[in-house]
Protein backbone atom coordinates (compact mmCIF):
# COMPACT_ATOMS: atom_id res chain seq x y z
CA MET A 1 30.29 144.01 38.24
CA SER A 2 32.54 140.66 39.08
CA ALA A 3 36.49 141.07 40.08
CA PRO A 4 39.30 141.23 37.80
CA PRO A 5 41.41 138.09 37.24
CA ALA A 6 44.53 140.09 38.16
CA LEU A 7 45.90 143.51 39.19
CA GLU A 8 49.35 144.81 37.46
CA ILE A 9 51.31 148.12 38.67
CA LEU A 10 53.68 148.61 36.89
CA PRO A 11 56.27 151.32 37.53
CA LEU A 12 57.15 153.39 33.82
CA LEU A 13 61.14 153.65 33.96
CA HIS A 14 63.27 156.33 32.53
CA PHE A 15 61.05 159.26 32.63
CA PRO A 16 63.23 162.36 32.67
CA LEU A 17 64.08 164.57 35.36
CA VAL A 18 61.71 167.62 35.10
CA ASN A 19 62.77 171.13 36.71
CA GLY A 20 60.61 173.54 35.56
CA PRO A 21 57.35 174.35 32.78
CA CYS A 22 57.16 171.79 29.45
CA ASP A 23 54.97 169.52 27.88
CA LEU A 24 53.79 166.35 30.65
CA GLY A 25 51.56 164.91 28.48
CA ALA A 26 54.35 164.60 25.61
CA LEU A 27 56.94 163.45 28.26
CA VAL A 28 54.57 160.44 29.52
CA VAL A 29 53.45 158.95 25.89
CA ALA A 30 56.84 158.93 24.87
CA CYS A 31 58.28 157.28 27.66
CA LEU A 32 55.18 154.30 27.36
CA LYS A 33 56.80 154.45 24.81
CA ARG A 34 59.74 153.94 24.85
CA ASN A 35 58.72 151.30 28.41
CA ARG A 36 57.16 149.42 25.11
CA ILE A 37 53.35 150.29 26.54
CA THR A 38 50.42 150.20 24.44
CA LEU A 39 47.60 151.72 26.72
CA ARG A 40 44.75 149.89 26.90
CA GLN A 41 40.46 150.59 27.77
CA GLY A 42 40.90 151.23 31.29
CA ASP A 43 44.37 151.06 32.26
CA VAL A 44 44.81 153.93 35.26
CA LEU A 45 48.28 155.84 34.81
CA VAL A 46 49.02 157.72 38.10
CA LEU A 47 51.44 160.48 39.18
CA ALA A 48 53.01 161.39 41.98
CA HIS A 49 52.26 165.48 41.88
CA LYS A 50 55.50 166.70 42.32
CA VAL A 51 56.39 165.74 38.80
CA VAL A 52 53.12 167.31 37.81
CA SER A 53 53.36 170.68 39.38
CA LYS A 54 57.49 170.88 38.73
CA ALA A 55 55.60 169.70 34.47
CA GLU A 56 53.69 173.25 35.99
CA GLY A 57 56.40 175.59 37.28
CA ARG A 58 54.82 175.55 40.74
CA ILE A 59 58.10 176.06 42.23
CA VAL A 60 59.23 178.59 44.88
CA ASP A 61 63.19 180.23 45.49
CA LEU A 62 62.91 180.17 48.86
CA GLY A 63 65.27 182.75 49.22
CA ALA A 64 63.25 185.49 47.78
CA VAL A 65 61.01 185.51 50.43
CA SER A 66 59.61 187.90 52.47
CA PRO A 67 58.56 186.59 55.45
CA SER A 68 55.68 188.54 56.91
CA ALA A 69 55.15 188.72 60.79
CA ARG A 70 52.96 185.95 60.96
CA ALA A 71 55.29 183.88 59.63
CA LEU A 72 57.71 185.11 61.44
CA GLU A 73 55.36 183.97 64.50
CA LEU A 74 54.60 180.60 63.21
CA ALA A 75 57.82 179.83 63.18
CA GLN A 76 58.88 180.81 67.30
CA ALA A 77 55.88 178.36 68.15
CA THR A 78 57.37 175.60 65.53
CA GLY A 79 60.44 175.82 65.19
CA LYS A 80 60.40 175.89 60.96
CA GLU A 81 61.90 178.45 58.92
CA PRO A 82 60.25 181.41 58.15
CA ALA A 83 60.49 181.70 54.83
CA LEU A 84 59.26 177.65 53.95
CA LEU A 85 55.93 179.08 56.60
CA GLU A 86 55.69 182.17 54.20
CA VAL A 87 54.57 180.13 51.78
CA ILE A 88 52.96 177.77 53.19
CA LEU A 89 50.36 180.80 54.06
CA SER A 90 50.61 181.44 51.13
CA GLN A 91 48.97 178.24 50.30
CA THR A 92 46.45 178.22 53.29
CA LYS A 93 43.08 178.22 53.89
CA ARG A 94 42.87 178.02 57.52
CA ILE A 95 45.26 176.21 59.98
CA VAL A 96 43.45 173.75 61.95
CA ARG A 97 46.83 172.49 64.47
CA GLN A 98 50.31 173.40 64.95
CA SER A 99 53.16 172.52 67.49
CA SER A 100 56.50 172.15 67.22
CA GLY A 101 58.19 171.54 63.45
CA VAL A 102 54.21 170.65 62.69
CA VAL A 103 51.67 172.98 60.98
CA LEU A 104 48.72 171.27 59.25
CA CYS A 105 46.83 173.13 57.34
CA GLU A 106 43.79 173.25 54.84
CA ASN A 107 44.68 174.42 51.71
CA HIS A 108 42.59 176.18 49.54
CA LEU A 109 42.15 173.09 47.50
CA GLY A 110 39.94 172.09 50.76
CA ILE A 111 42.99 169.33 51.26
CA VAL A 112 43.51 169.03 55.13
CA CYS A 113 47.58 167.86 55.42
CA ALA A 114 50.57 168.85 56.24
CA ASN A 115 52.60 172.64 55.05
CA ALA A 116 49.17 173.10 52.75
CA GLY A 117 51.01 170.72 50.43
CA VAL A 118 53.91 172.57 50.27
CA ASP A 119 57.38 169.95 49.97
CA ARG A 120 60.60 170.56 50.23
CA SER A 121 61.54 167.09 49.45
CA ASN A 122 63.44 166.06 45.35
CA ALA A 123 62.99 169.88 44.83
CA GLY A 124 66.69 170.97 44.40
CA GLU A 125 68.59 173.38 46.65
CA ASN A 126 66.50 176.03 49.23
CA GLN A 127 62.99 175.44 46.66
CA ALA A 128 59.98 174.29 47.80
CA VAL A 129 57.44 172.73 45.36
CA LEU A 130 53.02 173.55 45.45
CA LEU A 131 50.76 171.62 44.50
CA PRO A 132 49.41 171.53 40.93
CA GLN A 133 46.97 174.62 40.98
CA ASP A 134 44.20 172.84 39.61
CA PRO A 135 44.80 168.76 39.83
CA ASP A 136 41.97 168.02 38.12
CA ARG A 137 42.35 170.57 34.89
CA SER A 138 46.16 168.69 34.82
CA ALA A 139 44.57 165.16 34.91
CA ARG A 140 42.02 165.93 32.21
CA ALA A 141 44.47 167.23 30.34
CA LEU A 142 46.76 164.54 30.83
CA CYS A 143 44.29 162.26 29.99
CA ARG A 144 43.54 163.80 26.34
CA SER A 145 47.01 163.60 25.81
CA LEU A 146 46.96 159.99 26.52
CA GLU A 147 43.88 158.92 24.30
CA ALA A 148 44.73 160.95 21.90
CA ALA A 149 47.93 159.39 21.72
CA PHE A 150 46.35 155.96 22.19
CA GLN A 151 42.62 155.95 20.89
CA VAL A 152 41.44 154.36 24.13
CA LYS A 153 39.78 155.59 27.34
CA VAL A 154 41.71 155.99 30.40
CA GLY A 155 42.31 156.76 34.14
CA VAL A 156 44.65 159.16 35.54
CA LEU A 157 45.17 160.16 38.76
CA VAL A 158 47.39 162.39 40.34
CA ALA A 159 48.48 161.03 43.71
CA ASP A 160 50.48 162.45 47.18
CA SER A 161 51.42 161.12 49.47
CA HIS A 162 49.79 162.43 53.31
CA GLY A 163 49.48 161.25 57.08
CA ARG A 164 46.58 160.09 58.24
CA PRO A 165 44.34 160.72 61.27
CA TRP A 166 45.63 158.37 64.60
CA ARG A 167 48.00 156.59 62.38
CA GLU A 168 51.52 156.73 62.08
CA GLY A 169 52.88 156.73 58.13
CA ALA A 170 52.03 158.64 55.21
CA VAL A 171 49.99 156.60 52.40
CA GLY A 172 49.11 157.90 48.88
CA LEU A 173 46.10 159.75 48.22
CA CYS A 174 44.49 160.86 45.54
CA ILE A 175 44.28 164.81 45.25
CA GLY A 176 43.34 165.09 41.23
CA LEU A 177 42.08 162.63 39.08
CA ALA A 178 40.34 162.30 35.66
CA GLY A 179 38.50 159.78 33.56
CA ILE A 180 37.39 157.36 36.24
CA ASN A 181 34.53 157.46 39.15
CA PRO A 182 36.76 157.50 42.33
CA PHE A 183 34.19 155.23 44.15
CA ILE A 184 32.94 151.73 44.66
CA ASP A 185 29.21 151.95 45.40
CA TYR A 186 28.15 148.83 47.68
CA ARG A 187 24.68 150.23 49.08
CA GLY A 188 21.76 147.63 48.21
CA ARG A 189 23.79 144.84 47.70
CA ARG A 190 23.68 141.88 48.89
CA ASP A 191 26.69 140.49 51.58
CA LEU A 192 27.56 136.75 52.47
CA TYR A 193 24.96 136.85 54.73
CA CYS A 194 21.96 138.77 52.75
CA TYR A 195 22.55 141.68 54.83
CA GLN A 196 22.09 144.64 52.24
CA MET A 197 25.04 147.20 52.69
CA GLN A 198 24.05 150.54 53.92
CA SER A 199 26.84 152.95 53.64
CA GLU A 200 29.72 150.83 51.70
CA ILE A 201 31.58 153.37 49.68
CA GLU A 202 34.58 152.44 48.67
CA CYS A 203 37.40 155.16 47.68
CA ILE A 204 38.74 153.33 44.34
CA ALA A 205 41.15 156.74 43.49
CA ASP A 206 42.82 156.87 47.20
CA GLU A 207 43.69 152.92 47.15
CA LEU A 208 45.22 152.78 43.38
CA CYS A 209 47.34 155.82 44.37
CA ALA A 210 48.12 154.07 48.17
CA ALA A 211 49.04 151.04 46.01
CA ALA A 212 51.21 152.51 43.12
CA THR A 213 53.02 155.02 45.08
CA LEU A 214 54.55 151.13 46.69
CA VAL A 215 56.03 151.41 43.07
CA MET A 216 57.12 154.75 42.10
CA GLY A 217 58.87 154.91 45.92
CA GLN A 218 59.63 158.37 47.98
CA ALA A 219 63.13 159.01 47.43
CA GLN A 220 66.51 158.20 45.05
CA GLU A 221 64.08 155.20 43.54
CA GLY A 222 61.54 157.49 42.81
CA LYS A 223 59.66 156.64 39.57
CA PRO A 224 57.07 159.67 38.87
CA LEU A 225 54.95 157.35 36.99
CA ALA A 226 53.61 153.72 37.35
CA LEU A 227 50.30 152.03 35.50
CA VAL A 228 47.45 150.17 36.96
CA ARG A 229 46.23 147.80 34.83
CA GLY A 230 43.25 145.15 35.50
CA ALA A 231 41.65 147.12 38.47
CA LEU A 232 38.01 147.66 38.90
CA VAL A 233 37.10 151.18 37.89
CA GLN A 234 34.18 152.04 35.91
CA LEU A 235 35.69 155.39 33.32
CA ASP A 236 33.56 159.40 33.57
CA ASP A 237 34.27 161.74 31.71
CA THR A 238 32.87 164.17 34.19
CA SER A 239 34.80 162.97 37.83
CA SER A 240 36.26 165.02 40.42
CA ALA A 241 39.29 164.11 42.98
CA ALA A 242 36.29 167.23 44.85
CA ALA A 243 33.95 163.83 45.68
CA LEU A 244 36.69 163.10 47.19
CA LEU A 245 36.20 165.33 50.40
CA ARG A 246 33.86 164.58 52.84
CA ASP A 247 30.81 167.74 53.97
CA PRO A 248 31.85 170.10 56.30
CA ALA A 249 28.28 169.15 57.47
CA ARG A 250 28.56 165.75 57.85
CA ASP A 251 32.32 165.67 58.93
CA LEU A 252 32.19 164.34 62.92
CA PHE A 253 35.80 165.67 63.23
CA ARG A 254 35.69 169.40 62.74
């Protein structure tokens, strides 16, 4: 597999503001057409998780939430809003760490992240947005819509911004995918000095999400979709973001 000559990452402009359940596939196809983009075989569309979540109705009115005793206890320990903590707890499998202003959780998807992925930014007044219930299913549905509209095989990645251990700042990571293998496996290949590589597996899904986040933005300038063209990907109809989660038996940090 040779390297592509160039990699393009194009933000998709004029995507409508999504604030509730809708046909996301139809909106994305219409946006591509407004941008005069015809998808090609092997293109990868990256979406901010929040637009997927909103399209699926994953929005919570914090004013309607009654905090439990556990949420009130956490509020005392962390200084965070009790109603928000109650929502975070509803999405949490286990709390990994907590401190002032921070609750690090393993959510029901198996992802370890701040606040179990519950987010108040760009959510509306006194609202919070949850992660998609099944980001892989969301990606597969959109993938089917795109392939039906353009008659080519493409990939879809659902991205979220996460912090990382021992590193400052957040980067875009893949939490849901369809249509492509998330990895490039270099094991068994020879390097420049003929050494046979033993453990080199590159997570191209996370790399593409991080790169796309650079053109999508985070705040008022945000554009929730980006098209990646020319990436070194393998098309794969059986792929899943679950493969990105390390088996706890091999996780040295648990």
